[in-house]
Amino acid sequence: MTVFNKTLAGTALCSVLALAATPAFSQERVHIEWWYALSGRLGDLTQEMIANFNASQDQYEVVGIHKGNYEETMAAMVAAYRVGQQPTLLMAAERGFMTMLNSGAIVPVNQVMAEQGYDTDWGDFIAPVAGFYVVDGEPAALPFNSSTPIFWFNQDQFTAAGFDGPADTWQELDEQLYALKEQGITECPMVLPSDFQWSLLENYSAINDMPFGTSANGFDGLDTEFVYNTTGMVGQVDRLARWVEDGILHLAGEGMSSTQMFVSGNCATVMSSTASHASVEAGAQFDWNATFMPHEEGVEPRNSTIGGGAIWVVAGQDDGEYAAAAAFLDFVASPDNQAWWSEQTGYVPVTTAAYEQMAAEGYFEEHPTREIAILQLSRGEPNENSRGFRFGNHNQTTAILVEEMQAIWTGQKTVQEALDSSVARGNVILRQYEQLHAGQ
């Protein structure tokens, strides 16, 4: 029994009683809380969507509360659940999928929608996004701020170097980045994104059809084991380490994020989320562009995988609160609101209806880089290596991987030593998770 479901039975009644004692409960509108993890411009847009919902009807009111980043929001949720003060809706990153799914603290989103009388067309959600959140044919959470990494580049600098744009393969890109530096066009051909383990490692494995772990990267069972220290990812990390040593790949720092280093013009390229559109479009004072992530020579590239988050319905609430939650989720998933959210943020429109609406309105003709993510996600049929990553305690194993990669950057370990250590330490975490959740 987990930290969540250990407290479920004892706290559900307390939660209802506590809410019943608040002034909000006695008001005409049913109030619910949605804890989310987006900040800055994305946080403002989240609040705008909430305000639009609240203004669209007079039965329910959603109160959006920013609880910090994804990890901080998850920690706040665990603490709140223990004392029966959990929200009705929670935004959690895709990396926390298994934690939420096996927590015993959620109600499957399709169950809530059906019980509240909504006939949601789950088949309309685009396959790579829906496929990640569907378990045994049923969606566990509502995909919301879904993203995937794309390749951003400074068009002015590539043109100055004699290139139309980045090459399709890592091998050709390698030559281009060295040319940018050797020609004196930039001292920083590429900046390392803050979530490089997602864009440059996990998505590298998916696009190049390599296993990151056994059992279909965790989709087929909790017995999964990491194997990325035995695949082509060793060569990828070798390349990244060489780039760092040669001053091709720069680490962000000194108060600037990787996106800021690209937007400022200091670095020529960055491989980061399509959700960076809002920052790039607002800040870049040069001719910028974006394209698909590169692939290895001789490889037919597969789809990339999703990042971002989803909205989960939390257990322990009453029927009125679930009615409010269902109404809000139905509002969020509508084609108009999905199109608005995607256009404002750069996140992927998660339904086919929203995507087709944007296409019919000519949005992608005017903003071609906005379509890269969905085309890349939809490239071919996702297979065992490209469906995504379902690892227990994924945040912990990711932290280990990042720590070992930093040991490479600083010369403390060789590439193989670091990856071997990362896999061994990560597999210990996976076995602990498997033991804790045996039978689920």
Protein backbone atom coordinates (compact mmCIF):
# COMPACT_ATOMS: atom_id res chain seq x y z
CA MET A 1 0.00 0.00 0.00
CA THR A 2 1.47 3.39 -1.03
CA VAL A 3 1.71 6.68 0.79
CA PHE A 4 -1.39 7.73 -1.10
CA ASN A 5 -3.73 4.82 -0.60
CA LYS A 6 -2.61 4.24 2.98
CA THR A 7 -4.40 7.43 3.84
CA LEU A 8 -7.25 7.31 1.36
CA ALA A 9 -9.88 5.59 3.49
CA GLY A 10 -9.16 7.69 6.53
CA THR A 11 -8.96 11.02 4.83
CA ALA A 12 -11.79 10.96 2.30
CA LEU A 13 -14.48 11.70 4.89
CA CYS A 14 -12.30 14.30 6.60
CA SER A 15 -11.80 16.00 3.25
CA VAL A 16 -15.50 16.31 2.59
CA LEU A 17 -16.17 17.56 6.12
CA ALA A 18 -13.37 20.07 5.91
CA LEU A 19 -14.66 21.46 2.65
CA ALA A 20 -18.19 21.53 3.99
CA ALA A 21 -16.95 23.83 6.74
CA THR A 22 -15.52 26.40 4.33
CA PRO A 23 -17.50 29.39 3.13
CA ALA A 24 -16.87 28.40 -0.50
CA PHE A 25 -18.79 25.15 -0.07
CA SER A 26 -21.94 26.96 0.94
CA GLN A 27 -21.88 29.30 -2.04
CA GLU A 28 -24.02 28.69 -5.07
CA ARG A 29 -21.14 27.79 -7.28
CA VAL A 30 -19.21 24.62 -6.64
CA HIS A 31 -15.56 25.52 -6.13
CA ILE A 32 -12.73 23.17 -6.94
CA GLU A 33 -8.97 23.61 -6.95
CA TRP A 34 -6.59 22.79 -9.78
CA TRP A 35 -2.93 22.66 -8.77
CA TYR A 36 -0.71 23.30 -11.75
CA ALA A 37 3.03 23.56 -12.40
CA LEU A 38 3.41 26.15 -15.17
CA SER A 39 4.88 29.56 -14.45
CA GLY A 40 5.71 32.79 -16.28
CA ARG A 41 3.88 33.30 -19.56
CA LEU A 42 2.55 29.72 -19.47
CA GLY A 43 1.21 30.27 -15.97
CA ASP A 44 -0.56 33.44 -17.09
CA LEU A 45 -2.19 31.56 -19.95
CA THR A 46 -3.27 28.78 -17.58
CA GLN A 47 -5.02 31.36 -15.43
CA GLU A 48 -6.61 32.88 -18.55
CA MET A 49 -8.06 29.52 -19.53
CA ILE A 50 -9.45 29.09 -16.02
CA ALA A 51 -10.98 32.57 -16.12
CA ASN A 52 -12.56 31.82 -19.49
CA PHE A 53 -14.15 28.67 -18.07
CA ASN A 54 -15.44 30.46 -14.98
CA ALA A 55 -16.97 33.15 -17.17
CA SER A 56 -18.56 30.63 -19.52
CA GLN A 57 -21.05 29.26 -16.98
CA ASP A 58 -22.43 29.96 -13.50
CA GLN A 59 -22.44 26.54 -11.81
CA TYR A 60 -18.76 25.94 -11.12
CA GLU A 61 -15.63 27.86 -10.29
CA VAL A 62 -12.14 26.50 -10.75
CA VAL A 63 -9.44 28.03 -8.57
CA GLY A 64 -6.04 27.60 -10.15
CA ILE A 65 -3.09 27.44 -7.74
CA HIS A 66 0.52 27.37 -8.87
CA LYS A 67 2.41 24.99 -6.57
CA GLY A 68 5.87 25.32 -8.10
CA ASN A 69 7.46 23.08 -10.72
CA TYR A 70 6.30 19.56 -11.41
CA GLU A 71 8.30 17.99 -8.58
CA GLU A 72 7.17 20.63 -6.09
CA THR A 73 3.55 20.24 -7.18
CA MET A 74 3.75 16.48 -6.75
CA ALA A 75 5.31 16.85 -3.31
CA ALA A 76 2.58 19.29 -2.30
CA MET A 77 -0.02 16.80 -3.50
CA VAL A 78 1.43 13.96 -1.41
CA ALA A 79 1.53 16.14 1.69
CA ALA A 80 -2.01 17.41 1.13
CA TYR A 81 -3.39 13.95 0.52
CA ARG A 82 -2.08 12.75 3.84
CA VAL A 83 -4.22 15.30 5.65
CA GLY A 84 -7.23 15.22 3.32
CA GLN A 85 -6.61 18.61 1.76
CA GLN A 86 -5.92 17.46 -1.77
CA PRO A 87 -7.17 19.38 -4.82
CA THR A 88 -9.76 17.98 -7.20
CA LEU A 89 -7.47 18.35 -10.22
CA LEU A 90 -3.70 18.05 -10.44
CA MET A 91 -1.23 18.72 -13.23
CA ALA A 92 1.52 16.11 -13.26
CA ALA A 93 4.37 15.62 -15.70
CA GLU A 94 4.52 12.64 -17.99
CA ARG A 95 7.58 11.58 -15.95
CA GLY A 96 5.29 11.13 -12.95
CA PHE A 97 2.82 8.92 -14.83
CA MET A 98 3.54 5.68 -13.00
CA THR A 99 3.60 7.43 -9.64
CA MET A 100 0.14 8.86 -10.24
CA LEU A 101 -1.27 5.73 -11.89
CA ASN A 102 -0.29 3.43 -9.01
CA SER A 103 -0.89 5.92 -6.22
CA GLY A 104 -4.42 4.83 -5.40
CA ALA A 105 -5.16 8.55 -5.22
CA ILE A 106 -6.70 9.12 -8.64
CA VAL A 107 -9.94 8.42 -10.44
CA PRO A 108 -9.52 7.54 -14.15
CA VAL A 109 -10.58 10.52 -16.19
CA ASN A 110 -12.86 8.51 -18.49
CA GLN A 111 -14.72 7.17 -15.43
CA VAL A 112 -15.37 10.68 -14.13
CA MET A 113 -16.47 11.96 -17.52
CA ALA A 114 -18.82 9.02 -18.12
CA GLU A 115 -20.35 9.20 -14.63
CA GLN A 116 -21.00 12.91 -15.13
CA GLY A 117 -22.71 12.33 -18.46
CA TYR A 118 -20.04 13.44 -20.92
CA ASP A 119 -19.60 11.40 -24.09
CA THR A 120 -15.93 12.17 -24.65
CA ASP A 121 -14.47 10.99 -27.96
CA TRP A 122 -11.23 9.53 -26.65
CA GLY A 123 -10.41 8.28 -30.14
CA ASP A 124 -10.01 11.88 -31.26
CA PHE A 125 -6.88 12.41 -29.16
CA ILE A 126 -3.83 12.12 -31.41
CA ALA A 127 -2.25 8.68 -31.18
CA PRO A 128 1.22 9.40 -29.71
CA VAL A 129 -0.32 11.49 -26.92
CA ALA A 130 -3.32 9.30 -26.19
CA GLY A 131 -1.21 6.15 -26.41
CA PHE A 132 0.93 7.27 -23.53
CA TYR A 133 -1.97 7.98 -21.15
CA VAL A 134 -4.15 4.99 -22.08
CA VAL A 135 -3.90 1.93 -19.84
CA ASP A 136 -5.83 -1.24 -20.76
CA GLY A 137 -7.79 0.76 -23.29
CA GLU A 138 -8.85 3.45 -20.81
CA PRO A 139 -7.34 6.95 -20.46
CA ALA A 140 -5.98 7.56 -16.98
CA ALA A 141 -5.60 11.34 -17.30
CA LEU A 142 -6.51 14.12 -19.70
CA PRO A 143 -3.55 15.11 -21.91
CA PHE A 144 -3.16 18.87 -21.65
CA ASN A 145 0.22 20.57 -22.05
CA SER A 146 1.82 17.98 -24.29
CA SER A 147 5.08 18.76 -26.02
CA THR A 148 8.03 17.19 -27.80
CA PRO A 149 11.54 18.47 -28.52
CA ILE A 150 12.28 20.14 -31.85
CA PHE A 151 15.49 21.61 -33.25
CA TRP A 152 15.72 25.42 -33.01
CA PHE A 153 18.36 27.23 -35.01
CA ASN A 154 19.61 30.71 -35.86
CA GLN A 155 18.88 31.02 -39.58
CA ASP A 156 21.13 34.06 -39.95
CA GLN A 157 24.14 32.17 -38.63
CA PHE A 158 23.49 29.04 -40.68
CA THR A 159 23.13 31.17 -43.82
CA ALA A 160 26.37 32.99 -43.00
CA ALA A 161 28.10 29.61 -42.77
CA GLY A 162 26.76 28.58 -46.16
CA PHE A 163 24.01 26.25 -44.96
CA ASP A 164 20.32 26.43 -45.74
CA GLY A 165 19.63 24.91 -42.35
CA PRO A 166 20.63 22.01 -40.07
CA ALA A 167 21.30 18.65 -41.70
CA ASP A 168 18.99 15.70 -41.14
CA THR A 169 21.64 13.42 -39.63
CA TRP A 170 23.80 13.74 -36.54
CA GLN A 171 26.90 13.01 -38.65
CA GLU A 172 26.29 15.93 -41.02
CA LEU A 173 25.18 18.17 -38.18
CA ASP A 174 28.46 17.44 -36.44
CA GLU A 175 30.33 18.96 -39.41
CA GLN A 176 28.03 21.98 -39.55
CA LEU A 177 28.42 22.86 -35.87
CA TYR A 178 32.21 22.69 -36.09
CA ALA A 179 32.05 24.89 -39.23
CA LEU A 180 30.00 27.52 -37.38
CA LYS A 181 32.73 27.73 -34.75
CA GLU A 182 35.74 27.47 -37.07
CA GLN A 183 34.37 30.21 -39.34
CA GLY A 184 34.04 32.49 -36.34
CA ILE A 185 30.27 32.86 -36.77
CA THR A 186 29.55 31.87 -33.17
CA GLU A 187 31.49 30.72 -30.12
CA CYS A 188 28.48 28.66 -29.07
CA PRO A 189 27.17 26.42 -31.86
CA MET A 190 24.78 24.64 -29.47
CA VAL A 191 23.56 25.09 -25.91
CA LEU A 192 22.67 22.12 -23.72
CA PRO A 193 18.96 22.26 -22.80
CA SER A 194 18.07 22.02 -19.14
CA ASP A 195 16.04 18.89 -19.86
CA PHE A 196 18.69 17.33 -22.10
CA GLN A 197 18.00 13.84 -20.73
CA TRP A 198 14.59 14.09 -22.40
CA SER A 199 15.53 15.72 -25.70
CA LEU A 200 19.04 14.39 -26.35
CA LEU A 201 18.91 10.98 -24.69
CA GLU A 202 15.39 9.55 -24.32
CA ASN A 203 14.09 11.04 -27.55
CA TYR A 204 17.34 10.14 -29.28
CA SER A 205 16.65 6.49 -28.39
CA ALA A 206 13.05 6.69 -29.56
CA ILE A 207 13.73 8.42 -32.87
CA ASN A 208 16.59 6.05 -33.66
CA ASP A 209 14.55 2.99 -32.63
CA MET A 210 16.73 1.93 -29.72
CA PRO A 211 15.46 0.46 -26.44
CA PHE A 212 15.97 2.59 -23.35
CA GLY A 213 14.71 -0.20 -21.12
CA THR A 214 13.36 -3.74 -21.44
CA SER A 215 9.64 -4.64 -21.45
CA ALA A 216 8.89 -1.98 -24.08
CA ASN A 217 10.40 0.79 -21.96
CA GLY A 218 8.16 -0.20 -19.07
CA PHE A 219 4.87 -0.38 -20.98
CA ASP A 220 4.78 -4.19 -20.64
CA GLY A 221 5.49 -4.48 -16.95
CA LEU A 222 7.19 -3.34 -13.79
CA ASP A 223 10.03 -5.80 -14.40
CA THR A 224 11.62 -3.38 -16.87
CA GLU A 225 15.38 -2.78 -16.66
CA PHE A 226 17.42 0.04 -18.16
CA VAL A 227 19.69 -1.04 -21.02
CA TYR A 228 20.77 2.29 -22.55
CA ASN A 229 24.39 1.59 -21.59
CA THR A 230 24.45 -1.15 -24.23
CA THR A 231 22.84 0.62 -27.21
CA GLY A 232 23.77 3.31 -29.69
CA MET A 233 23.22 5.85 -26.95
CA VAL A 234 26.80 5.21 -25.86
CA GLY A 235 27.91 6.74 -29.16
CA GLN A 236 25.48 9.64 -28.72
CA VAL A 237 26.87 10.46 -25.29
CA ASP A 238 30.41 10.09 -26.65
CA ARG A 239 29.52 12.71 -29.26
CA LEU A 240 28.00 15.06 -26.70
CA ALA A 241 31.05 14.69 -24.44
CA ARG A 242 33.36 15.50 -27.36
CA TRP A 243 31.27 18.54 -28.20
CA VAL A 244 31.48 19.80 -24.62
CA GLU A 245 35.25 19.29 -24.58
CA ASP A 246 35.66 21.08 -27.94
CA GLY A 247 33.46 24.03 -27.01
CA ILE A 248 30.75 23.07 -29.48
CA LEU A 249 28.13 22.26 -26.84
CA HIS A 250 27.89 24.82 -24.04
CA LEU A 251 26.28 24.41 -20.65
CA ALA A 252 23.77 27.11 -19.69
CA GLY A 253 24.57 29.13 -16.62
CA GLU A 254 25.39 32.49 -15.11
CA GLY A 255 21.72 33.28 -14.66
CA MET A 256 20.65 32.39 -18.19
CA SER A 257 18.62 29.35 -19.20
CA SER A 258 19.36 27.41 -22.37
CA THR A 259 16.37 29.02 -24.10
CA GLN A 260 17.58 32.49 -23.11
CA MET A 261 21.04 31.72 -24.49
CA PHE A 262 19.44 30.83 -27.83
CA VAL A 263 16.96 33.70 -27.85
CA SER A 264 19.70 36.21 -27.01
CA GLY A 265 21.66 35.09 -30.08
CA ASN A 266 24.58 33.82 -27.98
CA CYS A 267 24.11 30.22 -29.13
CA ALA A 268 23.20 29.11 -32.65
CA THR A 269 21.06 26.08 -31.82
CA VAL A 270 19.15 24.33 -29.06
CA MET A 271 17.06 21.16 -29.02
CA SER A 272 14.19 21.87 -26.70
CA SER A 273 10.43 21.74 -26.30
CA THR A 274 8.04 23.08 -28.89
CA ALA A 275 6.57 25.00 -25.94
CA SER A 276 9.57 27.34 -26.28
CA HIS A 277 7.67 29.03 -29.11
CA ALA A 278 6.26 31.67 -26.78
CA SER A 279 9.74 32.68 -25.58
CA VAL A 280 11.44 32.50 -28.97
CA GLU A 281 8.73 34.42 -30.79
CA ALA A 282 8.66 37.12 -28.13
CA GLY A 283 12.39 37.53 -27.65
CA ALA A 284 14.51 36.54 -30.65
CA GLN A 285 15.78 39.58 -32.57
CA PHE A 286 17.17 37.56 -35.48
CA ASP A 287 15.86 35.31 -38.22
CA TRP A 288 15.19 32.04 -36.40
CA ASN A 289 13.73 28.77 -37.58
CA ALA A 290 13.09 25.22 -36.36
CA THR A 291 13.09 21.74 -37.83
CA PHE A 292 12.86 18.06 -36.94
CA MET A 293 15.26 16.40 -34.54
CA PRO A 294 18.22 14.77 -36.35
CA HIS A 295 18.73 11.04 -36.69
CA GLU A 296 21.62 8.67 -37.27
CA GLU A 297 22.82 7.93 -40.80
CA GLY A 298 21.07 4.93 -42.33
CA VAL A 299 18.21 5.01 -39.82
CA GLU A 300 14.59 5.55 -40.76
CA PRO A 301 13.57 8.00 -38.04
CA ARG A 302 10.61 7.14 -35.88
CA ASN A 303 8.28 9.37 -33.91
CA SER A 304 9.53 11.43 -31.02
CA THR A 305 7.92 11.06 -27.60
CA ILE A 306 5.86 13.43 -25.52
CA GLY A 307 6.77 15.55 -22.56
CA GLY A 308 4.77 18.10 -20.66
CA GLY A 309 1.89 17.11 -18.46
CA ALA A 310 -1.68 15.96 -18.06
CA ILE A 311 -4.59 16.76 -15.77
CA TRP A 312 -5.43 14.05 -13.23
CA VAL A 313 -8.67 13.75 -11.27
CA VAL A 314 -7.86 13.19 -7.61
CA ALA A 315 -9.77 10.75 -5.41
CA GLY A 316 -11.63 11.64 -2.25
CA GLN A 317 -14.01 14.33 -3.56
CA ASP A 318 -17.79 14.44 -3.66
CA ASP A 319 -20.08 14.17 -6.66
CA GLY A 320 -20.56 17.92 -6.98
CA GLU A 321 -16.82 18.48 -7.20
CA TYR A 322 -16.49 15.76 -9.80
CA ALA A 323 -19.29 17.41 -11.78
CA ALA A 324 -17.26 20.63 -11.71
CA ALA A 325 -14.10 18.77 -12.70
CA ALA A 326 -15.84 17.06 -15.62
CA ALA A 327 -17.29 20.35 -16.87
CA PHE A 328 -13.86 21.96 -16.77
CA LEU A 329 -12.13 19.05 -18.50
CA ASP A 330 -14.80 19.05 -21.21
CA PHE A 331 -14.14 22.77 -21.67
CA VAL A 332 -10.38 22.25 -21.84
CA ALA A 333 -10.67 19.44 -24.40
CA SER A 334 -12.96 21.32 -26.79
CA PRO A 335 -11.45 22.03 -30.24
CA ASP A 336 -11.73 25.81 -29.79
CA ASN A 337 -9.90 25.81 -26.45
CA GLN A 338 -7.31 23.27 -27.58
CA ALA A 339 -6.57 25.39 -30.64
CA TRP A 340 -6.35 28.55 -28.51
CA TRP A 341 -4.03 26.88 -25.98
CA SER A 342 -1.76 25.48 -28.70
CA GLU A 343 -1.55 28.78 -30.58
CA GLN A 344 -0.80 30.75 -27.42
CA THR A 345 1.76 28.37 -25.93
CA GLY A 346 3.33 26.22 -28.64
CA TYR A 347 2.12 23.02 -26.97
CA VAL A 348 0.73 20.37 -29.28
CA PRO A 349 -3.03 20.40 -29.99
CA VAL A 350 -3.93 17.09 -28.36
CA THR A 351 -7.01 16.32 -30.41
CA THR A 352 -7.34 15.71 -34.13
CA ALA A 353 -10.32 18.06 -34.22
CA ALA A 354 -8.24 20.94 -32.85
CA TYR A 355 -5.35 20.18 -35.20
CA GLU A 356 -7.65 20.04 -38.22
CA GLN A 357 -9.37 23.26 -37.14
CA MET A 358 -6.01 25.05 -36.94
CA ALA A 359 -4.99 23.63 -40.32
CA ALA A 360 -8.28 24.64 -41.95
CA GLU A 361 -7.85 28.18 -40.68
CA GLY A 362 -4.39 28.33 -42.29
CA TYR A 363 -2.60 28.64 -38.98
CA PHE A 364 0.25 26.31 -39.91
CA GLU A 365 0.81 28.04 -43.23
CA GLU A 366 1.45 31.25 -41.32
CA HIS A 367 3.35 29.50 -38.49
CA PRO A 368 5.07 26.46 -40.06
CA THR A 369 7.31 25.74 -37.06
CA ARG A 370 4.18 25.16 -34.93
CA GLU A 371 3.37 22.06 -36.98
CA ILE A 372 6.78 20.38 -36.60
CA ALA A 373 5.98 18.85 -33.23
CA ILE A 374 2.75 17.19 -34.25
CA LEU A 375 4.24 15.94 -37.53
CA GLN A 376 7.24 14.53 -35.68
CA LEU A 377 5.06 12.89 -33.02
CA SER A 378 2.86 11.38 -35.73
CA ARG A 379 5.70 10.03 -37.88
CA GLY A 380 4.91 6.35 -38.44
CA GLU A 381 3.33 3.93 -36.00
CA PRO A 382 4.85 4.13 -32.49
CA ASN A 383 6.62 0.90 -31.56
CA GLU A 384 8.10 -0.53 -28.34
CA ASN A 385 11.03 1.87 -28.51
CA SER A 386 9.07 5.00 -29.40
CA ARG A 387 5.78 4.83 -27.49
CA GLY A 388 7.29 6.59 -24.51
CA PHE A 389 8.77 5.72 -21.14
CA ARG A 390 6.88 4.24 -18.21
CA PHE A 391 9.41 3.77 -15.47
CA GLY A 392 8.53 3.70 -11.80
CA ASN A 393 10.00 6.57 -9.80
CA HIS A 394 11.07 8.08 -13.08
CA ASN A 395 12.05 11.37 -11.46
CA GLN A 396 14.56 9.56 -9.24
CA THR A 397 16.13 7.58 -12.06
CA THR A 398 16.28 10.72 -14.19
CA ALA A 399 18.11 12.55 -11.41
CA ILE A 400 20.64 9.72 -11.29
CA LEU A 401 21.15 9.88 -15.06
CA VAL A 402 21.68 13.65 -14.94
CA GLU A 403 24.14 13.26 -12.06
CA GLU A 404 26.16 10.68 -14.00
CA MET A 405 26.14 12.84 -17.13
CA GLN A 406 27.51 15.71 -15.08
CA ALA A 407 30.33 13.40 -14.00
CA ILE A 408 31.18 13.08 -17.71
CA TRP A 409 31.06 16.83 -18.33
CA THR A 410 33.46 17.41 -15.45
CA GLY A 411 35.85 14.61 -16.44
CA GLN A 412 35.24 12.47 -13.35
CA LYS A 413 34.04 9.44 -15.33
CA THR A 414 34.31 8.05 -18.84
CA VAL A 415 31.14 7.79 -20.88
CA GLN A 416 30.86 4.03 -20.39
CA GLU A 417 31.61 4.25 -16.66
CA ALA A 418 28.93 6.88 -16.17
CA LEU A 419 26.27 5.08 -18.21
CA ASP A 420 27.03 1.75 -16.52
CA SER A 421 26.71 3.40 -13.13
CA SER A 422 23.51 5.20 -14.12
CA VAL A 423 21.90 1.98 -15.34
CA ALA A 424 22.97 0.00 -12.25
CA ARG A 425 21.73 2.66 -9.84
CA GLY A 426 18.55 3.19 -11.85
CA ASN A 427 17.75 -0.51 -11.89
CA VAL A 428 17.93 -0.61 -8.10
CA ILE A 429 15.23 2.08 -8.05
CA LEU A 430 13.15 0.10 -10.55
CA ARG A 431 13.35 -3.06 -8.42
CA GLN A 432 12.28 -1.14 -5.34
CA TYR A 433 9.30 0.25 -7.25
CA GLU A 434 8.43 -3.20 -8.59
CA GLN A 435 8.50 -4.69 -5.11
CA LEU A 436 6.38 -1.88 -3.67
CA HIS A 437 3.75 -2.22 -6.37
CA ALA A 438 3.77 -5.98 -6.90
CA GLY A 439 0.43 -7.20 -8.17
CA GLN A 440 -0.73 -3.84 -9.53
